[in-house]
Amino acid sequence: MSDGKQDIARREDVRPAPALLPAVDIVEDETGITLTADMPGVPKDKLTVRMDGQNLSIEGEIALETPEGMEPSYAEIRSPAYRRSFSLSRDLDPSKIDAQFKDGVLRLRIPKAEHAQPRKITVSVD
């Protein structure tokens, strides 16, 4: 049997480090959504986009460059990371996400699942 103090300590150890929330725009059209996230200072190799069930997570580590042998005396960025997560509708198809990253902007195109997309019904004349 564990005491409450150990359980609290374990939960605190698992907490993620503080992170900035990237500014995100989400636009929906007939065929899906486009999510655009601003993540300046994040190189492509430090960017992670992950799906877990219907949860989409975006994480990026900011690469702060300082000249060799120097340390910043003042920095407005206190957290060197971005983190944001979203719960996706079941009408979206996460297996077909298209991701593009350029100049610190992440663009995700998430199409609607086939059952949720509009379709044209042919009407026959008898």
N, C-alpha and C. Protein backbone atom coordinates (compact mmCIF):
# COMPACT_ATOMS: atom_id res chain seq x y z
N MET A 1 0.85 -1.18 0.00
CA MET A 1 0.00 0.00 0.00
C MET A 1 0.89 1.24 0.00
N SER A 2 0.59 2.18 -0.85
CA SER A 2 1.41 3.38 -0.93
C SER A 2 0.74 4.51 -0.18
N ASP A 3 1.59 5.42 0.32
CA ASP A 3 1.00 6.57 0.99
C ASP A 3 0.76 7.68 -0.03
N GLY A 4 -0.07 8.62 0.30
CA GLY A 4 -0.46 9.70 -0.60
C GLY A 4 0.71 10.55 -1.06
N LYS A 5 1.73 10.73 -0.20
CA LYS A 5 2.87 11.57 -0.56
C LYS A 5 3.64 11.00 -1.74
N GLN A 6 3.85 9.69 -1.78
CA GLN A 6 4.57 9.07 -2.88
C GLN A 6 3.77 9.18 -4.18
N ASP A 7 2.45 8.99 -4.13
CA ASP A 7 1.63 9.10 -5.33
C ASP A 7 1.69 10.51 -5.91
N ILE A 8 1.63 11.52 -5.05
CA ILE A 8 1.71 12.91 -5.52
C ILE A 8 3.06 13.17 -6.14
N ALA A 9 4.13 12.70 -5.54
CA ALA A 9 5.47 12.92 -6.08
C ALA A 9 5.61 12.26 -7.45
N ARG A 10 5.07 11.06 -7.62
CA ARG A 10 5.16 10.38 -8.91
C ARG A 10 4.41 11.15 -9.99
N ARG A 11 3.23 11.65 -9.66
CA ARG A 11 2.46 12.42 -10.64
C ARG A 11 3.18 13.70 -11.03
N GLU A 12 3.84 14.36 -10.09
CA GLU A 12 4.56 15.59 -10.40
C GLU A 12 5.76 15.31 -11.29
N ASP A 13 6.41 14.17 -11.13
CA ASP A 13 7.56 13.82 -11.95
C ASP A 13 7.16 13.62 -13.42
N VAL A 14 5.94 13.24 -13.67
CA VAL A 14 5.47 12.95 -15.02
C VAL A 14 4.98 14.21 -15.73
N ARG A 15 4.75 15.28 -15.02
CA ARG A 15 4.25 16.52 -15.62
C ARG A 15 5.20 17.01 -16.70
N PRO A 16 4.65 17.40 -17.85
CA PRO A 16 5.52 17.96 -18.88
C PRO A 16 6.01 19.34 -18.47
N ALA A 17 7.17 19.72 -19.00
CA ALA A 17 7.71 21.04 -18.72
C ALA A 17 6.78 22.10 -19.30
N PRO A 18 6.79 23.30 -18.74
CA PRO A 18 5.94 24.36 -19.28
C PRO A 18 6.27 24.61 -20.75
N ALA A 19 5.26 24.96 -21.52
CA ALA A 19 5.46 25.21 -22.95
C ALA A 19 4.58 26.35 -23.40
N LEU A 20 4.98 26.98 -24.49
CA LEU A 20 4.20 28.04 -25.11
C LEU A 20 3.09 27.42 -25.94
N LEU A 21 1.95 28.09 -26.04
CA LEU A 21 0.88 27.65 -26.93
C LEU A 21 1.08 28.34 -28.27
N PRO A 22 1.31 27.58 -29.34
CA PRO A 22 1.45 28.24 -30.63
C PRO A 22 0.11 28.80 -31.09
N ALA A 23 0.16 29.93 -31.79
CA ALA A 23 -1.07 30.49 -32.37
C ALA A 23 -1.52 29.56 -33.48
N VAL A 24 -2.81 29.21 -33.48
CA VAL A 24 -3.33 28.24 -34.44
C VAL A 24 -4.59 28.80 -35.10
N ASP A 25 -4.66 28.64 -36.43
CA ASP A 25 -5.87 28.95 -37.18
C ASP A 25 -6.41 27.64 -37.71
N ILE A 26 -7.72 27.45 -37.63
CA ILE A 26 -8.36 26.25 -38.17
C ILE A 26 -9.47 26.68 -39.10
N VAL A 27 -9.40 26.20 -40.34
CA VAL A 27 -10.38 26.54 -41.36
C VAL A 27 -11.01 25.25 -41.85
N GLU A 28 -12.34 25.22 -41.89
CA GLU A 28 -13.05 24.03 -42.37
C GLU A 28 -13.69 24.32 -43.72
N ASP A 29 -13.63 23.32 -44.62
CA ASP A 29 -14.36 23.40 -45.88
C ASP A 29 -15.13 22.09 -46.05
N GLU A 30 -15.71 21.87 -47.22
CA GLU A 30 -16.53 20.68 -47.43
C GLU A 30 -15.77 19.37 -47.28
N THR A 31 -14.47 19.38 -47.57
CA THR A 31 -13.71 18.13 -47.60
C THR A 31 -12.81 17.91 -46.39
N GLY A 32 -12.71 18.87 -45.49
CA GLY A 32 -11.86 18.66 -44.31
C GLY A 32 -11.51 19.96 -43.63
N ILE A 33 -10.43 19.91 -42.82
CA ILE A 33 -9.97 21.10 -42.13
C ILE A 33 -8.50 21.33 -42.46
N THR A 34 -8.11 22.59 -42.38
CA THR A 34 -6.70 22.97 -42.50
C THR A 34 -6.33 23.67 -41.20
N LEU A 35 -5.31 23.16 -40.55
CA LEU A 35 -4.82 23.69 -39.29
C LEU A 35 -3.46 24.33 -39.57
N THR A 36 -3.30 25.60 -39.21
CA THR A 36 -2.03 26.30 -39.41
C THR A 36 -1.54 26.78 -38.05
N ALA A 37 -0.32 26.36 -37.69
CA ALA A 37 0.26 26.71 -36.39
C ALA A 37 1.56 27.47 -36.59
N ASP A 38 1.68 28.62 -35.92
CA ASP A 38 2.91 29.42 -35.97
C ASP A 38 3.85 28.93 -34.89
N MET A 39 5.03 28.46 -35.31
CA MET A 39 6.01 27.94 -34.36
C MET A 39 7.40 28.48 -34.72
N PRO A 40 7.60 29.82 -34.62
CA PRO A 40 8.88 30.39 -34.99
C PRO A 40 10.01 29.88 -34.11
N GLY A 41 11.16 29.69 -34.72
CA GLY A 41 12.34 29.24 -33.99
C GLY A 41 12.46 27.74 -33.86
N VAL A 42 11.50 26.98 -34.39
CA VAL A 42 11.53 25.52 -34.30
C VAL A 42 12.10 24.96 -35.60
N PRO A 43 13.23 24.24 -35.53
CA PRO A 43 13.73 23.57 -36.74
C PRO A 43 12.92 22.29 -37.00
N LYS A 44 12.90 21.85 -38.25
CA LYS A 44 12.10 20.68 -38.63
C LYS A 44 12.44 19.45 -37.79
N ASP A 45 13.72 19.26 -37.47
CA ASP A 45 14.12 18.06 -36.72
C ASP A 45 13.68 18.11 -35.26
N LYS A 46 13.18 19.24 -34.79
CA LYS A 46 12.69 19.36 -33.41
C LYS A 46 11.17 19.47 -33.35
N LEU A 47 10.50 19.15 -34.46
CA LEU A 47 9.05 19.22 -34.55
C LEU A 47 8.47 17.81 -34.48
N THR A 48 7.41 17.64 -33.69
CA THR A 48 6.74 16.35 -33.58
C THR A 48 5.23 16.56 -33.73
N VAL A 49 4.64 15.81 -34.65
CA VAL A 49 3.19 15.78 -34.83
C VAL A 49 2.77 14.34 -34.60
N ARG A 50 1.84 14.14 -33.65
CA ARG A 50 1.50 12.77 -33.24
C ARG A 50 0.00 12.61 -33.10
N MET A 51 -0.50 11.47 -33.53
CA MET A 51 -1.91 11.10 -33.33
C MET A 51 -1.96 9.97 -32.32
N ASP A 52 -2.88 10.09 -31.37
CA ASP A 52 -3.12 9.03 -30.40
C ASP A 52 -4.63 8.89 -30.30
N GLY A 53 -5.18 7.91 -31.01
CA GLY A 53 -6.63 7.79 -31.10
C GLY A 53 -7.16 8.97 -31.88
N GLN A 54 -8.02 9.78 -31.27
CA GLN A 54 -8.57 10.97 -31.92
C GLN A 54 -7.87 12.24 -31.44
N ASN A 55 -6.77 12.10 -30.69
CA ASN A 55 -6.05 13.26 -30.16
C ASN A 55 -4.83 13.57 -31.01
N LEU A 56 -4.76 14.82 -31.46
CA LEU A 56 -3.64 15.31 -32.26
C LEU A 56 -2.76 16.16 -31.35
N SER A 57 -1.46 15.87 -31.33
CA SER A 57 -0.51 16.64 -30.52
C SER A 57 0.55 17.25 -31.42
N ILE A 58 0.86 18.51 -31.15
CA ILE A 58 1.91 19.23 -31.87
C ILE A 58 2.92 19.69 -30.83
N GLU A 59 4.19 19.36 -31.05
CA GLU A 59 5.24 19.79 -30.13
C GLU A 59 6.44 20.24 -30.93
N GLY A 60 7.11 21.27 -30.46
CA GLY A 60 8.31 21.74 -31.11
C GLY A 60 9.25 22.38 -30.12
N GLU A 61 10.53 22.11 -30.28
CA GLU A 61 11.54 22.68 -29.39
C GLU A 61 12.23 23.83 -30.10
N ILE A 62 12.24 24.98 -29.45
CA ILE A 62 12.84 26.18 -30.04
C ILE A 62 14.36 26.07 -29.96
N ALA A 63 15.01 26.36 -31.07
CA ALA A 63 16.47 26.34 -31.12
C ALA A 63 16.96 27.78 -30.98
N LEU A 64 17.35 28.15 -29.78
CA LEU A 64 17.88 29.49 -29.54
C LEU A 64 19.37 29.48 -29.82
N GLU A 65 19.78 30.24 -30.80
CA GLU A 65 21.19 30.27 -31.16
C GLU A 65 21.87 31.45 -30.49
N THR A 66 22.95 31.17 -29.78
CA THR A 66 23.76 32.22 -29.19
C THR A 66 25.20 31.99 -29.66
N PRO A 67 25.95 33.06 -29.82
CA PRO A 67 27.35 32.89 -30.23
C PRO A 67 28.11 32.03 -29.24
N GLU A 68 29.10 31.31 -29.75
CA GLU A 68 29.88 30.39 -28.92
C GLU A 68 30.53 31.14 -27.76
N GLY A 69 30.44 30.56 -26.58
CA GLY A 69 31.04 31.13 -25.39
C GLY A 69 30.21 32.23 -24.74
N MET A 70 29.03 32.50 -25.26
CA MET A 70 28.19 33.55 -24.70
C MET A 70 26.87 32.97 -24.21
N GLU A 71 26.29 33.63 -23.23
CA GLU A 71 24.98 33.27 -22.74
C GLU A 71 24.12 34.52 -22.74
N PRO A 72 22.82 34.37 -23.03
CA PRO A 72 21.97 35.56 -23.04
C PRO A 72 21.83 36.15 -21.63
N SER A 73 21.89 37.46 -21.54
CA SER A 73 21.70 38.10 -20.24
C SER A 73 20.23 38.40 -19.99
N TYR A 74 19.43 38.39 -21.07
CA TYR A 74 17.99 38.60 -20.96
C TYR A 74 17.32 37.85 -22.11
N ALA A 75 16.26 37.12 -21.81
CA ALA A 75 15.52 36.41 -22.84
C ALA A 75 14.04 36.47 -22.50
N GLU A 76 13.21 36.83 -23.48
CA GLU A 76 11.78 36.89 -23.25
C GLU A 76 11.12 35.54 -23.39
N ILE A 77 11.78 34.63 -24.04
CA ILE A 77 11.24 33.27 -24.16
C ILE A 77 11.71 32.48 -22.97
N ARG A 78 10.79 32.20 -22.07
CA ARG A 78 11.14 31.46 -20.85
C ARG A 78 11.05 29.95 -21.05
N SER A 79 10.20 29.54 -21.94
CA SER A 79 10.03 28.12 -22.21
C SER A 79 10.51 27.84 -23.63
N PRO A 80 11.46 26.95 -23.79
CA PRO A 80 12.01 26.71 -25.13
C PRO A 80 11.20 25.71 -25.96
N ALA A 81 9.90 25.64 -25.71
CA ALA A 81 9.10 24.64 -26.45
C ALA A 81 7.68 25.15 -26.69
N TYR A 82 7.08 24.60 -27.74
CA TYR A 82 5.66 24.81 -28.03
C TYR A 82 4.96 23.48 -27.82
N ARG A 83 3.73 23.53 -27.35
CA ARG A 83 2.95 22.31 -27.20
C ARG A 83 1.47 22.66 -27.30
N ARG A 84 0.75 21.87 -28.10
CA ARG A 84 -0.70 22.08 -28.25
C ARG A 84 -1.32 20.75 -28.62
N SER A 85 -2.53 20.50 -28.14
CA SER A 85 -3.22 19.26 -28.51
C SER A 85 -4.68 19.57 -28.81
N PHE A 86 -5.26 18.71 -29.66
CA PHE A 86 -6.63 18.88 -30.11
C PHE A 86 -7.32 17.52 -30.12
N SER A 87 -8.60 17.50 -29.81
CA SER A 87 -9.42 16.30 -29.97
C SER A 87 -10.12 16.43 -31.30
N LEU A 88 -9.87 15.49 -32.20
CA LEU A 88 -10.45 15.55 -33.54
C LEU A 88 -11.81 14.86 -33.58
N SER A 89 -12.68 15.39 -34.40
CA SER A 89 -13.99 14.80 -34.63
C SER A 89 -13.82 13.45 -35.31
N ARG A 90 -14.74 12.55 -35.07
CA ARG A 90 -14.70 11.24 -35.74
C ARG A 90 -15.04 11.37 -37.22
N ASP A 91 -15.52 12.55 -37.63
CA ASP A 91 -15.79 12.79 -39.04
C ASP A 91 -14.51 13.04 -39.84
N LEU A 92 -13.37 13.22 -39.14
CA LEU A 92 -12.09 13.44 -39.82
C LEU A 92 -11.33 12.13 -39.92
N ASP A 93 -10.48 12.03 -40.94
CA ASP A 93 -9.70 10.82 -41.19
C ASP A 93 -8.22 11.08 -40.86
N PRO A 94 -7.79 10.79 -39.62
CA PRO A 94 -6.42 11.09 -39.23
C PRO A 94 -5.36 10.26 -39.96
N SER A 95 -5.76 9.19 -40.61
CA SER A 95 -4.79 8.37 -41.34
C SER A 95 -4.33 9.04 -42.63
N LYS A 96 -5.00 10.11 -43.04
CA LYS A 96 -4.66 10.79 -44.29
C LYS A 96 -4.20 12.22 -44.08
N ILE A 97 -3.62 12.51 -42.91
CA ILE A 97 -3.13 13.86 -42.63
C ILE A 97 -1.93 14.18 -43.54
N ASP A 98 -1.96 15.36 -44.12
CA ASP A 98 -0.84 15.87 -44.91
C ASP A 98 -0.20 16.99 -44.09
N ALA A 99 1.09 16.88 -43.79
CA ALA A 99 1.78 17.87 -42.97
C ALA A 99 2.88 18.55 -43.77
N GLN A 100 2.93 19.88 -43.68
CA GLN A 100 3.98 20.67 -44.32
C GLN A 100 4.51 21.67 -43.30
N PHE A 101 5.82 21.90 -43.31
CA PHE A 101 6.45 22.82 -42.37
C PHE A 101 7.44 23.68 -43.13
N LYS A 102 7.22 25.00 -43.08
CA LYS A 102 8.11 25.91 -43.78
C LYS A 102 8.16 27.24 -43.04
N ASP A 103 9.37 27.75 -42.83
CA ASP A 103 9.59 29.06 -42.20
C ASP A 103 8.85 29.20 -40.87
N GLY A 104 8.86 28.15 -40.06
CA GLY A 104 8.25 28.20 -38.73
C GLY A 104 6.74 28.09 -38.72
N VAL A 105 6.14 27.73 -39.86
CA VAL A 105 4.68 27.58 -39.93
C VAL A 105 4.36 26.13 -40.29
N LEU A 106 3.59 25.48 -39.43
CA LEU A 106 3.14 24.11 -39.66
C LEU A 106 1.74 24.15 -40.24
N ARG A 107 1.56 23.45 -41.35
CA ARG A 107 0.24 23.38 -42.00
C ARG A 107 -0.17 21.92 -42.07
N LEU A 108 -1.31 21.60 -41.47
CA LEU A 108 -1.84 20.24 -41.50
C LEU A 108 -3.16 20.25 -42.25
N ARG A 109 -3.31 19.37 -43.20
CA ARG A 109 -4.58 19.20 -43.92
C ARG A 109 -5.14 17.87 -43.47
N ILE A 110 -6.32 17.92 -42.85
CA ILE A 110 -6.96 16.71 -42.33
C ILE A 110 -8.28 16.54 -43.06
N PRO A 111 -8.36 15.55 -43.96
CA PRO A 111 -9.59 15.38 -44.73
C PRO A 111 -10.70 14.75 -43.89
N LYS A 112 -11.92 15.00 -44.32
CA LYS A 112 -13.06 14.33 -43.68
C LYS A 112 -13.06 12.87 -44.10
N ALA A 113 -13.58 12.02 -43.24
CA ALA A 113 -13.72 10.61 -43.56
C ALA A 113 -14.72 10.49 -44.71
N GLU A 114 -14.60 9.43 -45.45
CA GLU A 114 -15.46 9.26 -46.62
C GLU A 114 -16.94 9.37 -46.28
N HIS A 115 -17.35 8.79 -45.13
CA HIS A 115 -18.77 8.83 -44.76
C HIS A 115 -19.25 10.25 -44.44
N ALA A 116 -18.34 11.16 -44.13
CA ALA A 116 -18.73 12.52 -43.76
C ALA A 116 -18.60 13.52 -44.90
N GLN A 117 -18.03 13.10 -46.03
CA GLN A 117 -17.85 14.02 -47.16
C GLN A 117 -19.15 14.13 -47.95
N PRO A 118 -19.38 15.32 -48.47
CA PRO A 118 -20.59 15.46 -49.30
C PRO A 118 -20.45 14.62 -50.57
N ARG A 119 -21.53 14.11 -51.02
CA ARG A 119 -21.49 13.33 -52.26
C ARG A 119 -22.71 13.68 -53.10
N LYS A 120 -22.51 13.57 -54.36
CA LYS A 120 -23.59 13.88 -55.28
C LYS A 120 -24.36 12.61 -55.58
N ILE A 121 -25.66 12.70 -55.53
CA ILE A 121 -26.51 11.54 -55.78
C ILE A 121 -27.15 11.70 -57.16
N THR A 122 -26.94 10.71 -57.96
CA THR A 122 -27.52 10.75 -59.31
C THR A 122 -28.99 10.35 -59.24
N VAL A 123 -29.83 11.15 -59.86
CA VAL A 123 -31.26 10.90 -59.86
C VAL A 123 -31.62 10.42 -61.27
N SER A 124 -32.25 9.26 -61.32
CA SER A 124 -32.66 8.73 -62.63
C SER A 124 -34.13 9.09 -62.90
N VAL A 125 -34.46 9.19 -64.17
CA VAL A 125 -35.82 9.50 -64.58
C VAL A 125 -36.44 8.23 -65.14
N ASP A 126 -37.59 7.86 -64.63
CA ASP A 126 -38.25 6.63 -65.11
C ASP A 126 -39.34 6.96 -66.08
